[in-house]
C-alpha atoms as a PDB file:
ATOM      1  CA  UNK A   1       0.055  -0.262  -0.271  1.00  0.00           C
ATOM      2  CA  UNK A   2       1.734   3.521  -1.039  1.00  0.00           C
ATOM      3  CA  UNK A   3       0.751   6.559   0.845  1.00  0.00           C
ATOM      4  CA  UNK A   4       0.060   9.729  -0.759  1.00  0.00           C
ATOM      5  CA  UNK A   5      -1.962  12.839  -1.077  1.00  0.00           C
ATOM      6  CA  UNK A   6      -2.573  11.570  -4.074  1.00  0.00           C
ATOM      7  CA  UNK A   7      -2.594  14.849  -6.707  1.00  0.00           C
ATOM      8  CA  UNK A   8      -4.029  13.906 -10.574  1.00  0.00           C
ATOM      9  CA  UNK A   9      -4.701  10.487 -11.144  1.00  0.00           C
ATOM     10  CA  UNK A  10      -3.823   8.021  -8.143  1.00  0.00           C
ATOM     11  CA  UNK A  11      -5.342   4.902 -10.264  1.00  0.00           C
ATOM     12  CA  UNK A  12      -2.581   6.052 -12.889  1.00  0.00           C
ATOM     13  CA  UNK A  13       0.188   7.039 -10.547  1.00  0.00           C
ATOM     14  CA  UNK A  14       0.149   3.915  -8.359  1.00  0.00           C
ATOM     15  CA  UNK A  15      -0.769   1.471 -11.169  1.00  0.00           C
ATOM     16  CA  UNK A  16       1.457  -1.889 -11.080  1.00  0.00           C
ATOM     17  CA  UNK A  17       0.915  -4.158 -13.578  1.00  0.00           C
ATOM     18  CA  UNK A  18       0.882  -5.002 -17.458  1.00  0.00           C
ATOM     19  CA  UNK A  19       0.864  -2.211 -20.330  1.00  0.00           C
ATOM     20  CA  UNK A  20      -1.449  -2.082 -22.748  1.00  0.00           C
ATOM     21  CA  UNK A  21       1.321  -3.625 -25.355  1.00  0.00           C
ATOM     22  CA  UNK A  22       1.944  -6.240 -22.758  1.00  0.00           C
ATOM     23  CA  UNK A  23      -1.669  -7.232 -21.920  1.00  0.00           C
ATOM     24  CA  UNK A  24      -2.151  -7.546 -25.728  1.00  0.00           C
ATOM     25  CA  UNK A  25       0.588  -9.894 -26.124  1.00  0.00           C
ATOM     26  CA  UNK A  26      -0.288 -12.141 -23.708  1.00  0.00           C
ATOM     27  CA  UNK A  27      -3.079 -13.489 -26.205  1.00  0.00           C
ATOM     28  CA  UNK A  28      -6.016 -12.020 -24.114  1.00  0.00           C
ATOM     29  CA  UNK A  29      -8.634  -9.749 -25.211  1.00  0.00           C
ATOM     30  CA  UNK A  30      -8.565  -6.070 -24.618  1.00  0.00           C
ATOM     31  CA  UNK A  31     -11.290  -3.327 -24.755  1.00  0.00           C
ATOM     32  CA  UNK A  32     -11.407   0.643 -25.468  1.00  0.00           C
ATOM     33  CA  UNK A  33     -14.074   1.307 -22.977  1.00  0.00           C
ATOM     34  CA  UNK A  34     -14.103  -0.471 -19.618  1.00  0.00           C
ATOM     35  CA  UNK A  35     -16.756  -1.160 -17.561  1.00  0.00           C
ATOM     36  CA  UNK A  36     -16.623  -0.104 -13.618  1.00  0.00           C
ATOM     37  CA  UNK A  37     -18.109  -1.930 -10.509  1.00  0.00           C
ATOM     38  CA  UNK A  38     -17.280  -2.272  -6.821  1.00  0.00           C
ATOM     39  CA  UNK A  39     -14.837  -4.466  -5.983  1.00  0.00           C
ATOM     40  CA  UNK A  40     -16.745  -6.941  -3.877  1.00  0.00           C
ATOM     41  CA  UNK A  41     -15.878  -8.260  -0.377  1.00  0.00           C
ATOM     42  CA  UNK A  42     -13.904 -11.584  -0.023  1.00  0.00           C
ATOM     43  CA  UNK A  43     -10.077 -12.955  -0.736  1.00  0.00           C
ATOM     44  CA  UNK A  44      -8.213 -11.810  -3.882  1.00  0.00           C
ATOM     45  CA  UNK A  45      -8.174 -15.457  -4.811  1.00  0.00           C
ATOM     46  CA  UNK A  46     -12.282 -16.214  -4.084  1.00  0.00           C
ATOM     47  CA  UNK A  47     -12.792 -12.820  -6.465  1.00  0.00           C
ATOM     48  CA  UNK A  48     -10.288 -14.133  -9.149  1.00  0.00           C
ATOM     49  CA  UNK A  49     -12.065 -17.375  -9.258  1.00  0.00           C
ATOM     50  CA  UNK A  50     -15.566 -15.619 -10.129  1.00  0.00           C
ATOM     51  CA  UNK A  51     -14.106 -13.352 -12.531  1.00  0.00           C
ATOM     52  CA  UNK A  52     -12.053 -16.419 -14.235  1.00  0.00           C
ATOM     53  CA  UNK A  53     -15.688 -18.190 -14.112  1.00  0.00           C
ATOM     54  CA  UNK A  54     -16.785 -15.175 -16.400  1.00  0.00           C
ATOM     55  CA  UNK A  55     -14.048 -15.657 -18.569  1.00  0.00           C
ATOM     56  CA  UNK A  56     -11.437 -12.527 -17.177  1.00  0.00           C
ATOM     57  CA  UNK A  57      -8.007 -12.560 -15.721  1.00  0.00           C
ATOM     58  CA  UNK A  58      -6.336  -9.836 -13.754  1.00  0.00           C
ATOM     59  CA  UNK A  59      -3.622  -7.902 -15.447  1.00  0.00           C
ATOM     60  CA  UNK A  60      -2.854  -5.099 -12.769  1.00  0.00           C
ATOM     61  CA  UNK A  61      -3.869  -3.400  -9.681  1.00  0.00           C
ATOM     62  CA  UNK A  62      -3.546   0.272  -7.822  1.00  0.00           C
ATOM     63  CA  UNK A  63      -3.862   0.646  -4.380  1.00  0.00           C
ATOM     64  CA  UNK A  64      -2.821   3.823  -2.168  1.00  0.00           C
ATOM     65  CA  UNK A  65      -4.017   5.919   0.759  1.00  0.00           C
ATOM     66  CA  UNK A  66      -5.193   9.295   0.007  1.00  0.00           C
ATOM     67  CA  UNK A  67      -8.752  11.599   0.546  1.00  0.00           C
ATOM     68  CA  UNK A  68     -11.586  11.167  -1.079  1.00  0.00           C
ATOM     69  CA  UNK A  69     -11.221  13.088  -4.296  1.00  0.00           C
ATOM     70  CA  UNK A  70     -10.897   9.693  -7.016  1.00  0.00           C
ATOM     71  CA  UNK A  71     -13.895   8.031  -8.700  1.00  0.00           C
ATOM     72  CA  UNK A  72     -15.140   6.221 -11.900  1.00  0.00           C
ATOM     73  CA  UNK A  73     -14.033   8.566 -14.078  1.00  0.00           C
ATOM     74  CA  UNK A  74     -10.358   8.416 -12.758  1.00  0.00           C
ATOM     75  CA  UNK A  75     -10.963   4.574 -13.129  1.00  0.00           C
ATOM     76  CA  UNK A  76     -12.209   4.392 -16.148  1.00  0.00           C
ATOM     77  CA  UNK A  77      -9.131   6.704 -17.741  1.00  0.00           C
ATOM     78  CA  UNK A  78      -6.595   4.264 -16.438  1.00  0.00           C
ATOM     79  CA  UNK A  79      -8.571   1.362 -17.652  1.00  0.00           C
ATOM     80  CA  UNK A  80      -8.564   2.726 -20.897  1.00  0.00           C
ATOM     81  CA  UNK A  81      -4.781   3.273 -20.790  1.00  0.00           C
ATOM     82  CA  UNK A  82      -3.781  -0.801 -20.174  1.00  0.00           C
ATOM     83  CA  UNK A  83      -6.833  -1.919 -22.447  1.00  0.00           C
ATOM     84  CA  UNK A  84      -8.861  -3.225 -19.438  1.00  0.00           C
ATOM     85  CA  UNK A  85     -12.299  -4.259 -20.077  1.00  0.00           C
ATOM     86  CA  UNK A  86     -13.522  -4.392 -16.473  1.00  0.00           C
ATOM     87  CA  UNK A  87     -12.373  -2.381 -13.282  1.00  0.00           C
ATOM     88  CA  UNK A  88     -13.377  -3.510  -9.764  1.00  0.00           C
ATOM     89  CA  UNK A  89     -12.271  -0.898  -7.234  1.00  0.00           C
ATOM     90  CA  UNK A  90     -13.108   0.452  -3.662  1.00  0.00           C
ATOM     91  CA  UNK A  91     -12.112   3.079  -1.130  1.00  0.00           C
ATOM     92  CA  UNK A  92     -12.627   2.090   2.460  1.00  0.00           C
ATOM     93  CA  UNK A  93     -12.590   4.146   5.140  1.00  0.00           C
ATOM     94  CA  UNK A  94      -8.765   4.736   6.690  1.00  0.00           C
ATOM     95  CA  UNK A  95      -9.162   8.057   9.087  1.00  0.00           C
ATOM     96  CA  UNK A  96      -9.300  11.342   9.103  1.00  0.00           C
ATOM     97  CA  UNK A  97      -6.766  13.979   9.267  1.00  0.00           C
ATOM     98  CA  UNK A  98      -7.025  17.457  10.495  1.00  0.00           C
ATOM     99  CA  UNK A  99      -5.496  20.212   8.695  1.00  0.00           C
ATOM    100  CA  UNK A 100      -5.532  24.217   8.413  1.00  0.00           C
ATOM    101  CA  UNK A 101      -5.303  26.430   5.812  1.00  0.00           C
ATOM    102  CA  UNK A 102      -3.379  30.075   6.365  1.00  0.00           C
ATOM    103  CA  UNK A 103      -5.723  33.171   5.589  1.00  0.00           C
ATOM    104  CA  UNK A 104      -3.642  35.993   5.171  1.00  0.00           C
ATOM    105  CA  UNK A 105      -5.511  39.542   5.614  1.00  0.00           C
ATOM    106  CA  UNK A 106      -3.595  42.760   4.866  1.00  0.00           C
ATOM    107  CA  UNK A 107      -4.223  46.502   5.633  1.00  0.00           C
ATOM    108  CA  UNK A 108      -2.339  48.819   2.894  1.00  0.00           C
ATOM    109  CA  UNK A 109      -0.189  51.416   4.767  1.00  0.00           C
ATOM    110  CA  UNK A 110      -0.920  55.118   3.966  1.00  0.00           C
ATOM    111  CA  UNK A 111       0.273  58.970   4.731  1.00  0.00           C
ATOM    112  CA  UNK A 112      -1.460  61.621   6.653  1.00  0.00           C
ATOM    113  CA  UNK A 113      -0.925  65.074   6.478  1.00  0.00           C
ATOM    114  CA  UNK A 114      -0.426  67.621   9.986  1.00  0.00           C
ATOM    115  CA  UNK A 115      -0.836  71.331  10.163  1.00  0.00           C
ATOM    116  CA  UNK A 116       1.632  73.229  12.648  1.00  0.00           C
ATOM    117  CA  UNK A 117       0.768  76.622  13.549  1.00  0.00           C
ATOM    118  CA  UNK A 118       2.470  79.461  16.476  1.00  0.00           C
ATOM    119  CA  UNK A 119       4.013  82.670  17.296  1.00  0.00           C
ATOM    120  CA  UNK A 120       7.209  83.597  16.621  1.00  0.00           C
ATOM    121  CA  UNK A 121       9.128  86.271  18.378  1.00  0.00           C
ATOM    122  CA  UNK A 122      11.928  87.884  16.532  1.00  0.00           C
ATOM    123  CA  UNK A 123      13.173  91.284  16.740  1.00  0.00           C
ATOM    124  CA  UNK A 124      11.223  92.732  19.329  1.00  0.00           C
ATOM    125  CA  UNK A 125       7.565  91.673  17.590  1.00  0.00           C
ATOM    126  CA  UNK A 126       6.003  88.894  17.602  1.00  0.00           C
ATOM    127  CA  UNK A 127       4.542  86.939  14.168  1.00  0.00           C
ATOM    128  CA  UNK A 128       2.593  83.717  13.282  1.00  0.00           C
ATOM    129  CA  UNK A 129       3.878  80.677  11.517  1.00  0.00           C
ATOM    130  CA  UNK A 130       2.262  77.924   9.696  1.00  0.00           C
ATOM    131  CA  UNK A 131       3.263  74.537   8.006  1.00  0.00           C
ATOM    132  CA  UNK A 132       2.424  70.917   7.266  1.00  0.00           C
ATOM    133  CA  UNK A 133       4.278  67.536   7.821  1.00  0.00           C
ATOM    134  CA  UNK A 134       3.553  64.271   5.781  1.00  0.00           C
ATOM    135  CA  UNK A 135       4.053  60.691   7.764  1.00  0.00           C
ATOM    136  CA  UNK A 136       3.676  57.560   5.953  1.00  0.00           C
ATOM    137  CA  UNK A 137       1.958  54.364   7.974  1.00  0.00           C
ATOM    138  CA  UNK A 138       3.416  51.115   6.419  1.00  0.00           C
ATOM    139  CA  UNK A 139       0.532  48.261   6.082  1.00  0.00           C
ATOM    140  CA  UNK A 140       0.256  45.568   8.326  1.00  0.00           C
ATOM    141  CA  UNK A 141      -0.405  41.398   7.468  1.00  0.00           C
ATOM    142  CA  UNK A 142      -1.907  38.872  10.268  1.00  0.00           C
ATOM    143  CA  UNK A 143      -2.459  35.379   9.461  1.00  0.00           C
ATOM    144  CA  UNK A 144      -5.161  33.304  10.676  1.00  0.00           C
ATOM    145  CA  UNK A 145      -5.136  29.570  10.458  1.00  0.00           C
ATOM    146  CA  UNK A 146      -8.806  27.606   9.671  1.00  0.00           C
ATOM    147  CA  UNK A 147      -8.950  24.469  10.690  1.00  0.00           C
ATOM    148  CA  UNK A 148     -10.594  21.786   8.268  1.00  0.00           C
ATOM    149  CA  UNK A 149     -11.051  17.970   8.386  1.00  0.00           C
ATOM    150  CA  UNK A 150     -10.040  15.663   5.428  1.00  0.00           C
ATOM    151  CA  UNK A 151     -11.249  11.956   5.147  1.00  0.00           C
ATOM    152  CA  UNK A 152      -8.707   9.407   3.779  1.00  0.00           C
ATOM    153  CA  UNK A 153      -9.313   6.021   2.390  1.00  0.00           C
ATOM    154  CA  UNK A 154      -7.482   2.777   1.358  1.00  0.00           C
ATOM    155  CA  UNK A 155      -8.156   2.457  -1.987  1.00  0.00           C
ATOM    156  CA  UNK A 156      -7.758  -0.455  -3.953  1.00  0.00           C
ATOM    157  CA  UNK A 157      -8.380  -0.813  -7.828  1.00  0.00           C
ATOM    158  CA  UNK A 158      -8.396  -4.608 -10.404  1.00  0.00           C
ATOM    159  CA  UNK A 159      -7.950  -4.554 -14.278  1.00  0.00           C
ATOM    160  CA  UNK A 160      -9.571  -7.055 -15.578  1.00  0.00           C
ATOM    161  CA  UNK A 161      -9.118  -8.585 -19.483  1.00  0.00           C
ATOM    162  CA  UNK A 162     -11.095 -10.694 -21.015  1.00  0.00           C
ATOM    163  CA  UNK A 163      -9.698 -14.712 -21.805  1.00  0.00           C
ATOM    164  CA  UNK A 164     -10.025 -16.286 -24.941  1.00  0.00           C
ATOM    165  CA  UNK A 165     -11.508 -19.311 -24.826  1.00  0.00           C
ATOM    166  CA  UNK A 166      -9.071 -21.697 -26.413  1.00  0.00           C
ATOM    167  CA  UNK A 167     -10.883 -24.607 -27.866  1.00  0.00           C
ATOM    168  CA  UNK A 168      -7.329 -26.986 -27.409  1.00  0.00           C
ATOM    169  CA  UNK A 169      -7.282 -26.220 -23.469  1.00  0.00           C
ATOM    170  CA  UNK A 170      -9.681 -27.345 -20.945  1.00  0.00           C
ATOM    171  CA  UNK A 171      -9.563 -23.602 -19.604  1.00  0.00           C
ATOM    172  CA  UNK A 172      -9.474 -24.042 -15.622  1.00  0.00           C
ATOM    173  CA  UNK A 173      -7.723 -22.737 -12.675  1.00  0.00           C
ATOM    174  CA  UNK A 174      -5.998 -25.028 -10.776  1.00  0.00           C
ATOM    175  CA  UNK A 175      -3.345 -25.295  -7.879  1.00  0.00           C
ATOM    176  CA  UNK A 176      -2.094 -28.178  -5.418  1.00  0.00           C
ATOM    177  CA  UNK A 177      -4.444 -31.046  -4.448  1.00  0.00           C
ATOM    178  CA  UNK A 178      -5.482 -30.586  -0.698  1.00  0.00           C
ATOM    179  CA  UNK A 179      -2.750 -32.570   1.514  1.00  0.00           C
ATOM    180  CA  UNK A 180      -5.532 -34.641   2.598  1.00  0.00           C
ATOM    181  CA  UNK A 181      -5.962 -36.174  -0.788  1.00  0.00           C
ATOM    182  CA  UNK A 182      -1.947 -36.701  -1.378  1.00  0.00           C
ATOM    183  CA  UNK A 183      -2.126 -38.694   1.971  1.00  0.00           C
ATOM    184  CA  UNK A 184      -5.241 -40.488   0.825  1.00  0.00           C
ATOM    185  CA  UNK A 185      -3.352 -41.643  -2.120  1.00  0.00           C
ATOM    186  CA  UNK A 186      -0.357 -41.342  -1.410  1.00  0.00           C
ATOM    187  CA  UNK A 187       0.816 -38.694  -4.004  1.00  0.00           C
ATOM    188  CA  UNK A 188       1.428 -35.571  -4.791  1.00  0.00           C
ATOM    189  CA  UNK A 189       0.160 -36.015  -8.529  1.00  0.00           C
ATOM    190  CA  UNK A 190      -3.027 -34.256  -9.353  1.00  0.00           C
ATOM    191  CA  UNK A 191      -4.519 -30.948  -9.773  1.00  0.00           C
ATOM    192  CA  UNK A 192      -7.131 -29.330  -7.866  1.00  0.00           C
ATOM    193  CA  UNK A 193      -9.311 -27.351  -9.738  1.00  0.00           C
ATOM    194  CA  UNK A 194     -10.637 -24.213  -8.410  1.00  0.00           C
ATOM    195  CA  UNK A 195     -12.363 -22.385 -11.203  1.00  0.00           C
ATOM    196  CA  UNK A 196     -14.240 -23.601 -14.725  1.00  0.00           C
ATOM    197  CA  UNK A 197     -14.486 -20.702 -17.691  1.00  0.00           C
ATOM    198  CA  UNK A 198     -18.112 -20.793 -18.823  1.00  0.00           C
ATOM    199  CA  UNK A 199     -18.845 -22.672 -22.126  1.00  0.00           C
ATOM    200  CA  UNK A 200     -15.206 -23.962 -21.988  1.00  0.00           C
ATOM    201  CA  UNK A 201     -14.439 -27.774 -22.671  1.00  0.00           C
ATOM    202  CA  UNK A 202     -14.037 -28.260 -19.009  1.00  0.00           C
ATOM    203  CA  UNK A 203     -17.395 -26.607 -18.598  1.00  0.00           C
ATOM    204  CA  UNK A 204     -19.411 -28.564 -21.154  1.00  0.00           C
ATOM    205  CA  UNK A 205     -17.639 -31.582 -19.912  1.00  0.00           C
ATOM    206  CA  UNK A 206     -19.387 -30.807 -16.325  1.00  0.00           C
ATOM    207  CA  UNK A 207     -15.690 -31.054 -14.473  1.00  0.00           C
ATOM    208  CA  UNK A 208     -16.143 -28.733 -11.508  1.00  0.00           C
ATOM    209  CA  UNK A 209     -14.374 -26.637  -8.699  1.00  0.00           C
ATOM    210  CA  UNK A 210     -12.762 -28.750  -6.347  1.00  0.00           C
ATOM    211  CA  UNK A 211     -12.404 -31.737  -8.627  1.00  0.00           C
ATOM    212  CA  UNK A 212      -8.927 -32.850  -8.537  1.00  0.00           C
ATOM    213  CA  UNK A 213      -7.960 -34.037 -12.130  1.00  0.00           C
ATOM    214  CA  UNK A 214      -5.448 -37.098 -11.369  1.00  0.00           C
ATOM    215  CA  UNK A 215      -4.545 -38.164 -14.819  1.00  0.00           C
ATOM    216  CA  UNK A 216      -5.236 -37.007 -18.658  1.00  0.00           C
ATOM    217  CA  UNK A 217      -5.199 -40.052 -21.201  1.00  0.00           C
ATOM    218  CA  UNK A 218      -3.038 -42.119 -18.426  1.00  0.00           C
ATOM    219  CA  UNK A 219      -0.613 -39.169 -17.684  1.00  0.00           C
ATOM    220  CA  UNK A 220       0.078 -37.992 -14.251  1.00  0.00           C
ATOM    221  CA  UNK A 221      -1.199 -34.440 -13.642  1.00  0.00           C
ATOM    222  CA  UNK A 222       0.979 -31.712 -12.098  1.00  0.00           C
ATOM    223  CA  UNK A 223       0.212 -28.248 -11.629  1.00  0.00           C
ATOM    224  CA  UNK A 224       3.303 -26.946 -13.211  1.00  0.00           C
ATOM    225  CA  UNK A 225       2.805 -28.765 -16.223  1.00  0.00           C
ATOM    226  CA  UNK A 226      -0.253 -27.041 -18.818  1.00  0.00           C
ATOM    227  CA  UNK A 227      -2.821 -29.237 -19.215  1.00  0.00           C
ATOM    228  CA  UNK A 228      -2.872 -28.400 -22.895  1.00  0.00           C
ATOM    229  CA  UNK A 229       0.394 -30.403 -23.303  1.00  0.00           C
ATOM    230  CA  UNK A 230      -1.684 -33.694 -22.260  1.00  0.00           C
ATOM    231  CA  UNK A 231      -4.193 -33.338 -24.475  1.00  0.00           C
ATOM    232  CA  UNK A 232      -5.085 -34.595 -28.147  1.00  0.00           C
ATOM    233  CA  UNK A 233      -7.703 -33.827 -30.648  1.00  0.00           C
ATOM    234  CA  UNK A 234     -10.203 -36.045 -30.733  1.00  0.00           C
ATOM    235  CA  UNK A 235     -11.658 -37.748 -27.489  1.00  0.00           C
ATOM    236  CA  UNK A 236      -9.395 -37.618 -24.009  1.00  0.00           C
ATOM    237  CA  UNK A 237      -9.921 -39.568 -21.053  1.00  0.00           C
ATOM    238  CA  UNK A 238      -9.648 -37.418 -17.686  1.00  0.00           C
ATOM    239  CA  UNK A 239      -9.355 -39.782 -14.380  1.00  0.00           C
ATOM    240  CA  UNK A 240     -11.321 -37.160 -11.543  1.00  0.00           C
ATOM    241  CA  UNK A 241     -11.402 -37.692  -7.774  1.00  0.00           C
ATOM    242  CA  UNK A 242     -14.378 -36.048  -6.588  1.00  0.00           C
ATOM    243  CA  UNK A 243     -15.957 -36.088  -3.315  1.00  0.00           C
ATOM    244  CA  UNK A 244     -14.234 -39.607  -1.931  1.00  0.00           C
ATOM    245  CA  UNK A 245     -15.079 -41.609  -5.399  1.00  0.00           C
ATOM    246  CA  UNK A 246     -12.784 -41.948  -8.702  1.00  0.00           C
ATOM    247  CA  UNK A 247     -15.211 -40.912 -11.833  1.00  0.00           C
ATOM    248  CA  UNK A 248     -14.292 -40.716 -15.634  1.00  0.00           C
ATOM    249  CA  UNK A 249     -15.086 -37.872 -17.685  1.00  0.00           C
ATOM    250  CA  UNK A 250     -13.866 -37.358 -21.627  1.00  0.00           C
ATOM    251  CA  UNK A 251     -13.302 -34.438 -23.550  1.00  0.00           C
ATOM    252  CA  UNK A 252     -13.146 -33.729 -26.743  1.00  0.00           C
ATOM    253  CA  UNK A 253     -10.796 -30.940 -28.479  1.00  0.00           C
ATOM    254  CA  UNK A 254     -11.316 -30.143 -32.033  1.00  0.00           C
ATOM    255  CA  UNK A 255      -9.085 -30.356 -34.701  1.00  0.00           C
ATOM    256  CA  UNK A 256      -6.802 -27.118 -35.169  1.00  0.00           C
END
């Protein structure tokens, strides 16, 4: 989290992630006019899995603390900069900062004229005299400090692009199986499915989050190995561990 007063567009200033050119090189679908919404509550992993199910992947984030002077317009501007299709963001209240602004009052200077007169005695006779004098008075300034309050927020924005549905792949998110499964099977092989993209090969084959894919075409799976490399055109046999039992699924991969 970066801390700043956030002058200008903080969504841009505190962005971390892929540029537009980098995003386009990832074989994803970028957009010119992003939609903006509220980042839902929940862990980043849960949110990412939900978005993947709908066909979106993250390309960057913006995070900072600052006053509540940023909104959808700034989020859209940065979304366009990176080709995001969706920008989800939130601003959670952090604290209120007491500050003050100086107000200076200036009283200009000026001049004043005095008239002098009196008696003059000279040579045994008395006469009158008169005259004037001018005095300059400098200006004065006084400063008062007027207090005010500024609410500060923790901002977080996530930028999403659309992931192309690859007909040669399963289109799933995966991670290592839980320890309980590895102990039960006495094996570290297998991939734990955390999300399935809608209308993908895995989706059509009724593969669900929580399934553990044990083998593809008789070959053991591994989270570090892309399932795409284990697939072939035509029917592919997947052995899946689900709810304590082993089932078999067939996934058809079309010719290129």
